PDB file of N, CA and C in Angstrom:
ATOM      1  N   MET A   1     -17.286  24.826  -7.365  1.00  0.00           N
ATOM      2  CA  MET A   1     -16.359  23.940  -7.979  1.00  0.00           C
ATOM      3  C   MET A   1     -15.143  23.706  -7.415  1.00  0.00           C
ATOM      4  N   GLU A   2     -14.686  25.018  -6.693  1.00  0.00           N
ATOM      5  CA  GLU A   2     -13.055  25.079  -6.030  1.00  0.00           C
ATOM      6  C   GLU A   2     -13.461  24.258  -4.730  1.00  0.00           C
ATOM      7  N   ASN A   3     -14.178  24.089  -4.060  1.00  0.00           N
ATOM      8  CA  ASN A   3     -14.342  23.403  -2.645  1.00  0.00           C
ATOM      9  C   ASN A   3     -14.217  21.813  -3.220  1.00  0.00           C
ATOM     10  N   ILE A   4     -15.238  21.441  -4.062  1.00  0.00           N
ATOM     11  CA  ILE A   4     -14.844  19.939  -4.995  1.00  0.00           C
ATOM     12  C   ILE A   4     -13.394  19.665  -4.936  1.00  0.00           C
ATOM     13  N   GLU A   5     -12.690  20.602  -5.873  1.00  0.00           N
ATOM     14  CA  GLU A   5     -11.262  20.150  -6.113  1.00  0.00           C
ATOM     15  C   GLU A   5     -10.393  20.127  -4.819  1.00  0.00           C
ATOM     16  N   LYS A   6     -10.855  21.069  -4.103  1.00  0.00           N
ATOM     17  CA  LYS A   6      -9.974  20.990  -2.654  1.00  0.00           C
ATOM     18  C   LYS A   6     -10.090  19.715  -1.845  1.00  0.00           C
ATOM     19  N   ARG A   7     -11.423  19.327  -2.072  1.00  0.00           N
ATOM     20  CA  ARG A   7     -11.861  18.060  -1.445  1.00  0.00           C
ATOM     21  C   ARG A   7     -10.885  16.977  -2.068  1.00  0.00           C
ATOM     22  N   ILE A   8     -11.333  17.096  -3.280  1.00  0.00           N
ATOM     23  CA  ILE A   8     -10.146  15.805  -3.914  1.00  0.00           C
ATOM     24  C   ILE A   8      -8.838  15.905  -3.745  1.00  0.00           C
ATOM     25  N   TYR A   9      -8.120  16.983  -3.493  1.00  0.00           N
ATOM     26  CA  TYR A   9      -6.900  17.251  -3.236  1.00  0.00           C
ATOM     27  C   TYR A   9      -6.557  16.514  -1.924  1.00  0.00           C
ATOM     28  N   GLU A  10      -7.696  16.904  -0.802  1.00  0.00           N
ATOM     29  CA  GLU A  10      -7.578  16.272   0.715  1.00  0.00           C
ATOM     30  C   GLU A  10      -7.719  14.757   0.613  1.00  0.00           C
ATOM     31  N   LEU A  11      -8.634  14.304  -0.469  1.00  0.00           N
ATOM     32  CA  LEU A  11      -8.648  12.717  -0.452  1.00  0.00           C
ATOM     33  C   LEU A  11      -7.571  12.572  -0.984  1.00  0.00           C
ATOM     34  N   HIS A  12      -6.832  12.870  -1.843  1.00  0.00           N
ATOM     35  CA  HIS A  12      -5.515  12.167  -2.651  1.00  0.00           C
ATOM     36  C   HIS A  12      -4.567  12.039  -1.615  1.00  0.00           C
ATOM     37  N   ALA A  13      -4.278  13.148  -0.789  1.00  0.00           N
ATOM     38  CA  ALA A  13      -3.410  13.234   0.234  1.00  0.00           C
ATOM     39  C   ALA A  13      -3.560  12.237   1.285  1.00  0.00           C
ATOM     40  N   SER A  14      -4.395  11.947   1.773  1.00  0.00           N
ATOM     41  CA  SER A  14      -5.018  11.239   2.679  1.00  0.00           C
ATOM     42  C   SER A  14      -4.713   9.520   1.901  1.00  0.00           C
ATOM     43  N   MET A  15      -5.091   9.517   1.039  1.00  0.00           N
ATOM     44  CA  MET A  15      -4.751   8.020   0.238  1.00  0.00           C
ATOM     45  C   MET A  15      -3.488   7.803   0.188  1.00  0.00           C
ATOM     46  N   CYS A  16      -2.466   9.027  -0.074  1.00  0.00           N
ATOM     47  CA  CYS A  16      -1.139   8.780  -0.234  1.00  0.00           C
ATOM     48  C   CYS A  16      -0.361   8.429   0.936  1.00  0.00           C
ATOM     49  N   LYS A  17      -1.316   8.650   2.017  1.00  0.00           N
ATOM     50  CA  LYS A  17      -0.543   8.392   3.205  1.00  0.00           C
ATOM     51  C   LYS A  17      -0.380   6.736   3.638  1.00  0.00           C
ATOM     52  N   VAL A  18      -1.170   6.346   2.982  1.00  0.00           N
ATOM     53  CA  VAL A  18      -0.941   4.760   2.741  1.00  0.00           C
ATOM     54  C   VAL A  18       0.505   4.193   2.470  1.00  0.00           C
ATOM     55  N   PHE A  19       0.749   5.040   1.385  1.00  0.00           N
ATOM     56  CA  PHE A  19       2.306   4.697   0.395  1.00  0.00           C
ATOM     57  C   PHE A  19       3.475   5.190   1.629  1.00  0.00           C
ATOM     58  N   SER A  20       3.178   5.884   2.371  1.00  0.00           N
ATOM     59  CA  SER A  20       4.158   6.462   3.315  1.00  0.00           C
ATOM     60  C   SER A  20       4.892   5.408   4.323  1.00  0.00           C
ATOM     61  N   ASN A  21       4.085   4.251   4.583  1.00  0.00           N
ATOM     62  CA  ASN A  21       4.449   3.232   5.384  1.00  0.00           C
ATOM     63  C   ASN A  21       5.043   2.272   4.721  1.00  0.00           C
ATOM     64  N   PRO A  22       6.077   1.454   5.012  1.00  0.00           N
ATOM     65  CA  PRO A  22       6.636   0.117   4.019  1.00  0.00           C
ATOM     66  C   PRO A  22       5.884  -1.176   4.419  1.00  0.00           C
ATOM     67  N   LYS A  23       5.321  -1.085   5.740  1.00  0.00           N
ATOM     68  CA  LYS A  23       4.327  -2.277   6.330  1.00  0.00           C
ATOM     69  C   LYS A  23       2.995  -1.986   5.345  1.00  0.00           C
ATOM     70  N   ARG A  24       2.554  -1.106   5.098  1.00  0.00           N
ATOM     71  CA  ARG A  24       1.572  -1.016   4.433  1.00  0.00           C
ATOM     72  C   ARG A  24       1.636  -1.206   3.149  1.00  0.00           C
ATOM     73  N   LEU A  25       2.624  -0.797   2.533  1.00  0.00           N
ATOM     74  CA  LEU A  25       3.188  -1.073   1.043  1.00  0.00           C
ATOM     75  C   LEU A  25       3.346  -2.804   0.778  1.00  0.00           C
ATOM     76  N   GLU A  26       3.718  -3.238   1.945  1.00  0.00           N
ATOM     77  CA  GLU A  26       4.019  -4.915   1.987  1.00  0.00           C
ATOM     78  C   GLU A  26       2.639  -5.403   1.717  1.00  0.00           C
ATOM     79  N   ILE A  27       1.559  -5.156   2.642  1.00  0.00           N
ATOM     80  CA  ILE A  27       0.135  -5.404   2.900  1.00  0.00           C
ATOM     81  C   ILE A  27      -0.456  -5.315   1.325  1.00  0.00           C
ATOM     82  N   ILE A  28      -0.140  -4.057   0.579  1.00  0.00           N
ATOM     83  CA  ILE A  28      -0.623  -4.041  -0.592  1.00  0.00           C
ATOM     84  C   ILE A  28      -0.039  -5.216  -1.499  1.00  0.00           C
ATOM     85  N   ASN A  29       1.040  -5.286  -1.632  1.00  0.00           N
ATOM     86  CA  ASN A  29       1.864  -6.115  -2.588  1.00  0.00           C
ATOM     87  C   ASN A  29       1.314  -7.427  -2.387  1.00  0.00           C
ATOM     88  N   THR A  30       1.201  -7.807  -0.757  1.00  0.00           N
ATOM     89  CA  THR A  30       0.676  -9.202  -0.426  1.00  0.00           C
ATOM     90  C   THR A  30      -0.757  -9.756  -0.808  1.00  0.00           C
ATOM     91  N   LEU A  31      -1.594  -8.467  -0.945  1.00  0.00           N
ATOM     92  CA  LEU A  31      -2.858  -8.915  -1.191  1.00  0.00           C
ATOM     93  C   LEU A  31      -3.336  -8.416  -2.810  1.00  0.00           C
ATOM     94  N   ARG A  32      -2.283  -8.379  -3.349  1.00  0.00           N
ATOM     95  CA  ARG A  32      -2.153  -8.330  -4.895  1.00  0.00           C
ATOM     96  C   ARG A  32      -2.566 -10.053  -5.424  1.00  0.00           C
ATOM     97  N   GLU A  33      -2.297 -10.791  -4.205  1.00  0.00           N
ATOM     98  CA  GLU A  33      -2.535 -12.225  -4.563  1.00  0.00           C
ATOM     99  C   GLU A  33      -3.775 -12.672  -4.363  1.00  0.00           C
ATOM    100  N   GLY A  34      -4.721 -11.702  -3.784  1.00  0.00           N
ATOM    101  CA  GLY A  34      -6.104 -11.906  -3.491  1.00  0.00           C
ATOM    102  C   GLY A  34      -6.484 -11.749  -2.181  1.00  0.00           C
ATOM    103  N   GLU A  35      -7.676 -12.166  -1.879  1.00  0.00           N
ATOM    104  CA  GLU A  35      -8.095 -11.979  -0.358  1.00  0.00           C
ATOM    105  C   GLU A  35      -7.280 -12.789   0.599  1.00  0.00           C
ATOM    106  N   MET A  36      -7.439 -12.004   1.882  1.00  0.00           N
ATOM    107  CA  MET A  36      -6.477 -13.078   2.824  1.00  0.00           C
ATOM    108  C   MET A  36      -6.785 -12.824   4.353  1.00  0.00           C
ATOM    109  N   SER A  37      -7.007 -13.898   5.107  1.00  0.00           N
ATOM    110  CA  SER A  37      -7.631 -13.442   6.395  1.00  0.00           C
ATOM    111  C   SER A  37      -6.332 -12.523   7.180  1.00  0.00           C
ATOM    112  N   VAL A  38      -6.805 -12.181   8.095  1.00  0.00           N
ATOM    113  CA  VAL A  38      -5.775 -11.424   8.900  1.00  0.00           C
ATOM    114  C   VAL A  38      -4.758 -12.112   9.410  1.00  0.00           C
ATOM    115  N   SER A  39      -4.910 -13.393  10.106  1.00  0.00           N
ATOM    116  CA  SER A  39      -3.857 -14.256  10.446  1.00  0.00           C
ATOM    117  C   SER A  39      -2.921 -14.719   9.059  1.00  0.00           C
ATOM    118  N   GLN A  40      -3.479 -14.738   7.957  1.00  0.00           N
ATOM    119  CA  GLN A  40      -2.566 -15.223   6.880  1.00  0.00           C
ATOM    120  C   GLN A  40      -1.780 -14.039   6.499  1.00  0.00           C
ATOM    121  N   ILE A  41      -2.143 -12.579   6.560  1.00  0.00           N
ATOM    122  CA  ILE A  41      -1.009 -11.669   6.043  1.00  0.00           C
ATOM    123  C   ILE A  41      -0.475 -11.566   7.454  1.00  0.00           C
ATOM    124  N   SER A  42      -0.594 -11.559   8.590  1.00  0.00           N
ATOM    125  CA  SER A  42       0.127 -11.526   9.769  1.00  0.00           C
ATOM    126  C   SER A  42       1.460 -12.686   9.695  1.00  0.00           C
ATOM    127  N   LYS A  43       1.011 -13.782   9.291  1.00  0.00           N
ATOM    128  CA  LYS A  43       1.872 -14.739   9.152  1.00  0.00           C
ATOM    129  C   LYS A  43       3.221 -14.675   7.925  1.00  0.00           C
ATOM    130  N   ARG A  44       2.284 -14.248   6.719  1.00  0.00           N
ATOM    131  CA  ARG A  44       3.148 -13.868   5.690  1.00  0.00           C
ATOM    132  C   ARG A  44       4.177 -12.804   5.778  1.00  0.00           C
ATOM    133  N   LEU A  45       3.627 -11.868   6.537  1.00  0.00           N
ATOM    134  CA  LEU A  45       4.790 -10.543   6.671  1.00  0.00           C
ATOM    135  C   LEU A  45       5.231 -10.672   8.030  1.00  0.00           C
ATOM    136  N   GLY A  46       4.864 -11.197   8.670  1.00  0.00           N
ATOM    137  CA  GLY A  46       5.620 -11.168  10.246  1.00  0.00           C
ATOM    138  C   GLY A  46       5.052 -10.104  11.166  1.00  0.00           C
ATOM    139  N   ILE A  47       3.936  -9.408  10.957  1.00  0.00           N
ATOM    140  CA  ILE A  47       3.596  -8.433  11.616  1.00  0.00           C
ATOM    141  C   ILE A  47       2.577  -8.817  12.800  1.00  0.00           C
ATOM    142  N   PRO A  48       2.785  -8.416  14.004  1.00  0.00           N
ATOM    143  CA  PRO A  48       1.859  -9.040  15.010  1.00  0.00           C
ATOM    144  C   PRO A  48       0.573  -8.324  14.595  1.00  0.00           C
ATOM    145  N   MET A  49      -0.194  -9.100  15.069  1.00  0.00           N
ATOM    146  CA  MET A  49      -1.768  -8.974  14.944  1.00  0.00           C
ATOM    147  C   MET A  49      -2.076  -7.513  15.317  1.00  0.00           C
ATOM    148  N   GLY A  50      -1.813  -6.943  16.437  1.00  0.00           N
ATOM    149  CA  GLY A  50      -2.174  -5.691  17.151  1.00  0.00           C
ATOM    150  C   GLY A  50      -1.783  -4.807  16.170  1.00  0.00           C
ATOM    151  N   ASN A  51      -0.364  -4.727  15.945  1.00  0.00           N
ATOM    152  CA  ASN A  51       0.033  -3.739  15.009  1.00  0.00           C
ATOM    153  C   ASN A  51      -0.526  -3.746  13.187  1.00  0.00           C
ATOM    154  N   LEU A  52      -0.893  -5.045  12.905  1.00  0.00           N
ATOM    155  CA  LEU A  52      -1.444  -5.014  11.688  1.00  0.00           C
ATOM    156  C   LEU A  52      -2.892  -4.726  11.579  1.00  0.00           C
ATOM    157  N   SER A  53      -3.494  -5.001  12.394  1.00  0.00           N
ATOM    158  CA  SER A  53      -4.878  -4.388  12.845  1.00  0.00           C
ATOM    159  C   SER A  53      -4.980  -2.982  12.497  1.00  0.00           C
ATOM    160  N   GLN A  54      -3.994  -2.352  13.359  1.00  0.00           N
ATOM    161  CA  GLN A  54      -4.093  -0.830  12.911  1.00  0.00           C
ATOM    162  C   GLN A  54      -3.837  -0.437  11.601  1.00  0.00           C
ATOM    163  N   HIS A  55      -2.933  -1.012  10.908  1.00  0.00           N
ATOM    164  CA  HIS A  55      -2.485  -0.642   9.652  1.00  0.00           C
ATOM    165  C   HIS A  55      -3.876  -0.904   8.680  1.00  0.00           C
ATOM    166  N   LEU A  56      -4.460  -1.965   8.770  1.00  0.00           N
ATOM    167  CA  LEU A  56      -5.411  -2.692   8.057  1.00  0.00           C
ATOM    168  C   LEU A  56      -6.573  -1.580   8.047  1.00  0.00           C
ATOM    169  N   ASN A  57      -6.975  -1.155   9.228  1.00  0.00           N
ATOM    170  CA  ASN A  57      -8.240  -0.499   9.621  1.00  0.00           C
ATOM    171  C   ASN A  57      -7.890   1.020   8.867  1.00  0.00           C
ATOM    172  N   MET A  58      -6.593   1.594   9.201  1.00  0.00           N
ATOM    173  CA  MET A  58      -6.297   2.993   8.439  1.00  0.00           C
ATOM    174  C   MET A  58      -6.739   2.713   6.587  1.00  0.00           C
ATOM    175  N   MET A  59      -6.358   1.533   6.524  1.00  0.00           N
ATOM    176  CA  MET A  59      -6.290   1.569   4.915  1.00  0.00           C
ATOM    177  C   MET A  59      -7.861   1.294   4.522  1.00  0.00           C
ATOM    178  N   LYS A  60      -8.460   0.644   5.356  1.00  0.00           N
ATOM    179  CA  LYS A  60      -9.762   0.576   5.096  1.00  0.00           C
ATOM    180  C   LYS A  60     -10.588   1.777   5.230  1.00  0.00           C
ATOM    181  N   GLU A  61     -10.354   2.391   6.009  1.00  0.00           N
ATOM    182  CA  GLU A  61     -11.024   4.058   6.109  1.00  0.00           C
ATOM    183  C   GLU A  61     -10.601   4.622   5.183  1.00  0.00           C
ATOM    184  N   ARG A  62      -9.742   4.438   4.657  1.00  0.00           N
ATOM    185  CA  ARG A  62      -9.304   5.348   3.450  1.00  0.00           C
ATOM    186  C   ARG A  62      -9.623   4.760   1.806  1.00  0.00           C
ATOM    187  N   GLY A  63     -10.319   3.709   2.023  1.00  0.00           N
ATOM    188  CA  GLY A  63     -10.761   3.007   0.939  1.00  0.00           C
ATOM    189  C   GLY A  63      -9.961   2.281   0.101  1.00  0.00           C
ATOM    190  N   ILE A  64      -8.756   2.011   0.757  1.00  0.00           N
ATOM    191  CA  ILE A  64      -7.860   1.127  -0.039  1.00  0.00           C
ATOM    192  C   ILE A  64      -8.275  -0.230   0.047  1.00  0.00           C
ATOM    193  N   LEU A  65      -8.639  -0.722   1.106  1.00  0.00           N
ATOM    194  CA  LEU A  65      -9.160  -2.118   1.467  1.00  0.00           C
ATOM    195  C   LEU A  65     -10.863  -2.295   1.300  1.00  0.00           C
ATOM    196  N   ASN A  66     -11.190  -3.439   1.373  1.00  0.00           N
ATOM    197  CA  ASN A  66     -12.637  -3.780   1.699  1.00  0.00           C
ATOM    198  C   ASN A  66     -12.514  -5.035   2.805  1.00  0.00           C
ATOM    199  N   SER A  67     -13.187  -5.170   3.664  1.00  0.00           N
ATOM    200  CA  SER A  67     -13.164  -6.311   4.495  1.00  0.00           C
ATOM    201  C   SER A  67     -14.678  -7.204   4.423  1.00  0.00           C
ATOM    202  N   ARG A  68     -14.691  -8.550   4.967  1.00  0.00           N
ATOM    203  CA  ARG A  68     -15.548  -9.114   5.217  1.00  0.00           C
ATOM    204  C   ARG A  68     -15.363 -10.100   6.205  1.00  0.00           C
ATOM    205  N   LYS A  69     -16.701 -10.505   7.034  1.00  0.00           N
ATOM    206  CA  LYS A  69     -16.271 -11.236   8.130  1.00  0.00           C
ATOM    207  C   LYS A  69     -17.066 -12.712   7.926  1.00  0.00           C
ATOM    208  N   GLU A  70     -16.669 -13.837   8.164  1.00  0.00           N
ATOM    209  CA  GLU A  70     -17.035 -14.817   8.083  1.00  0.00           C
ATOM    210  C   GLU A  70     -16.784 -15.786   9.325  1.00  0.00           C
ATOM    211  N   GLY A  71     -17.755 -15.638  10.129  1.00  0.00           N
ATOM    212  CA  GLY A  71     -17.760 -16.418  11.766  1.00  0.00           C
ATOM    213  C   GLY A  71     -16.816 -15.318  12.332  1.00  0.00           C
ATOM    214  N   ASN A  72     -15.573 -15.764  13.087  1.00  0.00           N
ATOM    215  CA  ASN A  72     -14.649 -15.180  13.635  1.00  0.00           C
ATOM    216  C   ASN A  72     -13.426 -14.516  13.177  1.00  0.00           C
ATOM    217  N   VAL A  73     -13.533 -14.890  11.665  1.00  0.00           N
ATOM    218  CA  VAL A  73     -12.442 -14.615  10.678  1.00  0.00           C
ATOM    219  C   VAL A  73     -12.504 -13.379   9.765  1.00  0.00           C
ATOM    220  N   VAL A  74     -11.856 -12.206   9.846  1.00  0.00           N
ATOM    221  CA  VAL A  74     -11.956 -11.209   9.078  1.00  0.00           C
ATOM    222  C   VAL A  74     -11.129 -11.324   7.769  1.00  0.00           C
ATOM    223  N   TYR A  75     -11.614 -11.301   6.731  1.00  0.00           N
ATOM    224  CA  TYR A  75     -10.740 -11.012   5.583  1.00  0.00           C
ATOM    225  C   TYR A  75     -10.503  -9.909   4.610  1.00  0.00           C
ATOM    226  N   TYR A  76      -9.557  -9.450   4.151  1.00  0.00           N
ATOM    227  CA  TYR A  76      -9.212  -7.799   3.566  1.00  0.00           C
ATOM    228  C   TYR A  76      -8.673  -8.599   2.069  1.00  0.00           C
ATOM    229  N   LYS A  77      -9.224  -7.544   1.365  1.00  0.00           N
ATOM    230  CA  LYS A  77      -8.843  -7.570  -0.215  1.00  0.00           C
ATOM    231  C   LYS A  77      -8.654  -6.093  -0.668  1.00  0.00           C
ATOM    232  N   LEU A  78      -8.051  -5.840  -1.657  1.00  0.00           N
ATOM    233  CA  LEU A  78      -7.946  -4.559  -2.126  1.00  0.00           C
ATOM    234  C   LEU A  78      -9.377  -3.842  -2.849  1.00  0.00           C
ATOM    235  N   ALA A  79      -9.674  -2.722  -2.555  1.00  0.00           N
ATOM    236  CA  ALA A  79     -10.998  -2.261  -3.036  1.00  0.00           C
ATOM    237  C   ALA A  79     -11.042  -2.000  -4.427  1.00  0.00           C
ATOM    238  N   ASN A  80      -9.856  -1.862  -5.123  1.00  0.00           N
ATOM    239  CA  ASN A  80      -9.915  -1.469  -6.310  1.00  0.00           C
ATOM    240  C   ASN A  80      -8.496  -1.812  -7.110  1.00  0.00           C
ATOM    241  N   PRO A  81      -8.667  -2.810  -7.792  1.00  0.00           N
ATOM    242  CA  PRO A  81      -6.957  -3.253  -8.477  1.00  0.00           C
ATOM    243  C   PRO A  81      -6.331  -2.298  -9.218  1.00  0.00           C
ATOM    244  N   LYS A  82      -6.785  -1.166  -9.570  1.00  0.00           N
ATOM    245  CA  LYS A  82      -6.305   0.120  -9.931  1.00  0.00           C
ATOM    246  C   LYS A  82      -4.831   0.489  -8.576  1.00  0.00           C
ATOM    247  N   MET A  83      -4.935   0.145  -7.655  1.00  0.00           N
ATOM    248  CA  MET A  83      -4.409   0.642  -6.755  1.00  0.00           C
ATOM    249  C   MET A  83      -2.846  -0.286  -7.294  1.00  0.00           C
ATOM    250  N   LEU A  84      -2.841  -1.306  -7.573  1.00  0.00           N
ATOM    251  CA  LEU A  84      -1.606  -1.935  -8.256  1.00  0.00           C
ATOM    252  C   LEU A  84      -1.052  -1.416  -9.236  1.00  0.00           C
ATOM    253  N   LYS A  85      -1.652  -0.862 -10.011  1.00  0.00           N
ATOM    254  CA  LYS A  85      -0.988  -0.010 -11.204  1.00  0.00           C
ATOM    255  C   LYS A  85      -0.262   1.186 -10.521  1.00  0.00           C
ATOM    256  N   ALA A  86      -0.921   2.174  -9.730  1.00  0.00           N
ATOM    257  CA  ALA A  86      -0.180   3.062  -8.883  1.00  0.00           C
ATOM    258  C   ALA A  86       1.026   2.415  -7.948  1.00  0.00           C
ATOM    259  N   PHE A  87       0.938   1.548  -7.583  1.00  0.00           N
ATOM    260  CA  PHE A  87       1.945   0.687  -6.473  1.00  0.00           C
ATOM    261  C   PHE A  87       3.224   0.580  -7.625  1.00  0.00           C
ATOM    262  N   ASP A  88       2.791  -0.324  -8.302  1.00  0.00           N
ATOM    263  CA  ASP A  88       3.918  -0.641  -9.641  1.00  0.00           C
ATOM    264  C   ASP A  88       4.502   0.455 -10.259  1.00  0.00           C
ATOM    265  N   ILE A  89       3.761   1.222 -10.537  1.00  0.00           N
ATOM    266  CA  ILE A  89       4.543   2.820 -11.267  1.00  0.00           C
ATOM    267  C   ILE A  89       5.324   3.235 -10.389  1.00  0.00           C
ATOM    268  N   LEU A  90       5.051   3.681  -9.246  1.00  0.00           N
ATOM    269  CA  LEU A  90       6.037   4.162  -8.095  1.00  0.00           C
ATOM    270  C   LEU A  90       7.087   3.337  -7.888  1.00  0.00           C
ATOM    271  N   ARG A  91       7.070   1.993  -8.079  1.00  0.00           N
ATOM    272  CA  ARG A  91       8.070   1.092  -7.945  1.00  0.00           C
ATOM    273  C   ARG A  91       9.011   1.348  -9.291  1.00  0.00           C
ATOM    274  N   GLU A  92       8.504   1.290 -10.209  1.00  0.00           N
ATOM    275  CA  GLU A  92       9.286   1.694 -11.329  1.00  0.00           C
ATOM    276  C   GLU A  92      10.007   2.717 -11.348  1.00  0.00           C
ATOM    277  N   ILE A  93       9.613   3.791 -10.965  1.00  0.00           N
ATOM    278  CA  ILE A  93      10.130   5.241 -10.802  1.00  0.00           C
ATOM    279  C   ILE A  93      11.294   4.867  -9.700  1.00  0.00           C
ATOM    280  N   LEU A  94      11.195   4.217  -8.718  1.00  0.00           N
ATOM    281  CA  LEU A  94      12.253   4.106  -7.906  1.00  0.00           C
ATOM    282  C   LEU A  94      13.354   3.238  -8.341  1.00  0.00           C
ATOM    283  N   PHE A  95      12.755   2.075  -9.128  1.00  0.00           N
ATOM    284  CA  PHE A  95      14.079   1.186  -9.551  1.00  0.00           C
ATOM    285  C   PHE A  95      14.849   1.989 -10.661  1.00  0.00           C
ATOM    286  N   GLU A  96      14.199   3.003 -11.485  1.00  0.00           N
ATOM    287  CA  GLU A  96      14.882   3.766 -12.462  1.00  0.00           C
ATOM    288  C   GLU A  96      15.640   5.011 -11.570  1.00  0.00           C
ATOM    289  N   ARG A  97      15.321   5.354 -10.612  1.00  0.00           N
ATOM    290  CA  ARG A  97      16.388   6.714  -9.974  1.00  0.00           C
ATOM    291  C   ARG A  97      17.436   5.450  -9.321  1.00  0.00           C
ATOM    292  N   ILE A  98      17.134   4.408  -8.886  1.00  0.00           N
ATOM    293  CA  ILE A  98      18.555   3.574  -8.151  1.00  0.00           C
ATOM    294  C   ILE A  98      19.420   3.424  -9.191  1.00  0.00           C
ATOM    295  N   SER A  99      18.653   3.135 -10.503  1.00  0.00           N
ATOM    296  CA  SER A  99      19.639   2.643 -11.514  1.00  0.00           C
ATOM    297  C   SER A  99      20.774   3.958 -12.119  1.00  0.00           C
ATOM    298  N   GLN A 100      19.825   5.127 -12.015  1.00  0.00           N
ATOM    299  CA  GLN A 100      20.624   6.133 -12.546  1.00  0.00           C
ATOM    300  C   GLN A 100      21.365   6.797 -11.528  1.00  0.00           C
ATOM    301  N   GLU A 101      21.221   6.302 -10.124  1.00  0.00           N
ATOM    302  CA  GLU A 101      22.393   6.827  -9.330  1.00  0.00           C
ATOM    303  C   GLU A 101      23.497   5.774  -9.130  1.00  0.00           C
ATOM    304  N   ARG A 102      23.162   4.355  -9.632  1.00  0.00           N
ATOM    305  CA  ARG A 102      24.329   3.453  -9.686  1.00  0.00           C
ATOM    306  C   ARG A 102      25.293   3.786 -10.671  1.00  0.00           C
ATOM    307  N   VAL A 103      24.624   4.638 -11.842  1.00  0.00           N
ATOM    308  CA  VAL A 103      25.310   4.682 -13.204  1.00  0.00           C
ATOM    309  C   VAL A 103      26.187   6.071 -12.662  1.00  0.00           C
ATOM    310  N   LEU A 104      25.767   6.909 -11.772  1.00  0.00           N
ATOM    311  CA  LEU A 104      26.293   8.304 -11.629  1.00  0.00           C
ATOM    312  C   LEU A 104      27.624   7.670 -10.583  1.00  0.00           C
ATOM    313  N   ILE A 105      27.320   6.965  -9.794  1.00  0.00           N
ATOM    314  CA  ILE A 105      28.481   6.369  -8.949  1.00  0.00           C
ATOM    315  C   ILE A 105      29.557   5.573  -9.460  1.00  0.00           C
ATOM    316  N   GLN A 106      29.213   4.732 -10.482  1.00  0.00           N
ATOM    317  CA  GLN A 106      30.175   4.323 -11.296  1.00  0.00           C
ATOM    318  C   GLN A 106      31.088   5.109 -12.051  1.00  0.00           C
ATOM    319  N   ARG A 107      30.436   6.220 -12.672  1.00  0.00           N
ATOM    320  CA  ARG A 107      30.970   7.326 -13.339  1.00  0.00           C
ATOM    321  C   ARG A 107      32.024   8.054 -12.319  1.00  0.00           C
ATOM    322  N   ALA A 108      31.873   8.139 -11.202  1.00  0.00           N
ATOM    323  CA  ALA A 108      32.571   9.148 -10.364  1.00  0.00           C
ATOM    324  C   ALA A 108      33.538   8.288  -9.950  1.00  0.00           C
ATOM    325  N   LYS A 109      33.611   6.955  -9.897  1.00  0.00           N
ATOM    326  CA  LYS A 109      34.717   6.016  -9.523  1.00  0.00           C
ATOM    327  C   LYS A 109      35.634   5.989 -10.438  1.00  0.00           C
ATOM    328  N   LYS A 110      35.169   6.438 -12.003  1.00  0.00           N
ATOM    329  CA  LYS A 110      36.521   6.106 -12.829  1.00  0.00           C
ATOM    330  C   LYS A 110      37.363   7.438 -12.834  1.00  0.00           C
TER     331      LYS A 110
END
């Protein structure tokens, strides 16, 4: 049982690495709208295709994204919509923190 728990922690940490890069966070947020081709994502975010492909592959390896190929076009989508819940909760926490810091700064100025 202990080995399973350790493996879960390893997988959790690996998945969280996706959240450690601002470009990957942008990709997740963009794919909130649904499946998109690599070129659509590249245009939308202004990320060069080579760099974008590295991010997409890393995210696919960690089970964050699924892909499908239609002719020469590769499409990506979120593997699990629950990923957006995690994304949104982290953003809420961030905004709360920023708000609290703003209140402290305002109090310090008085």
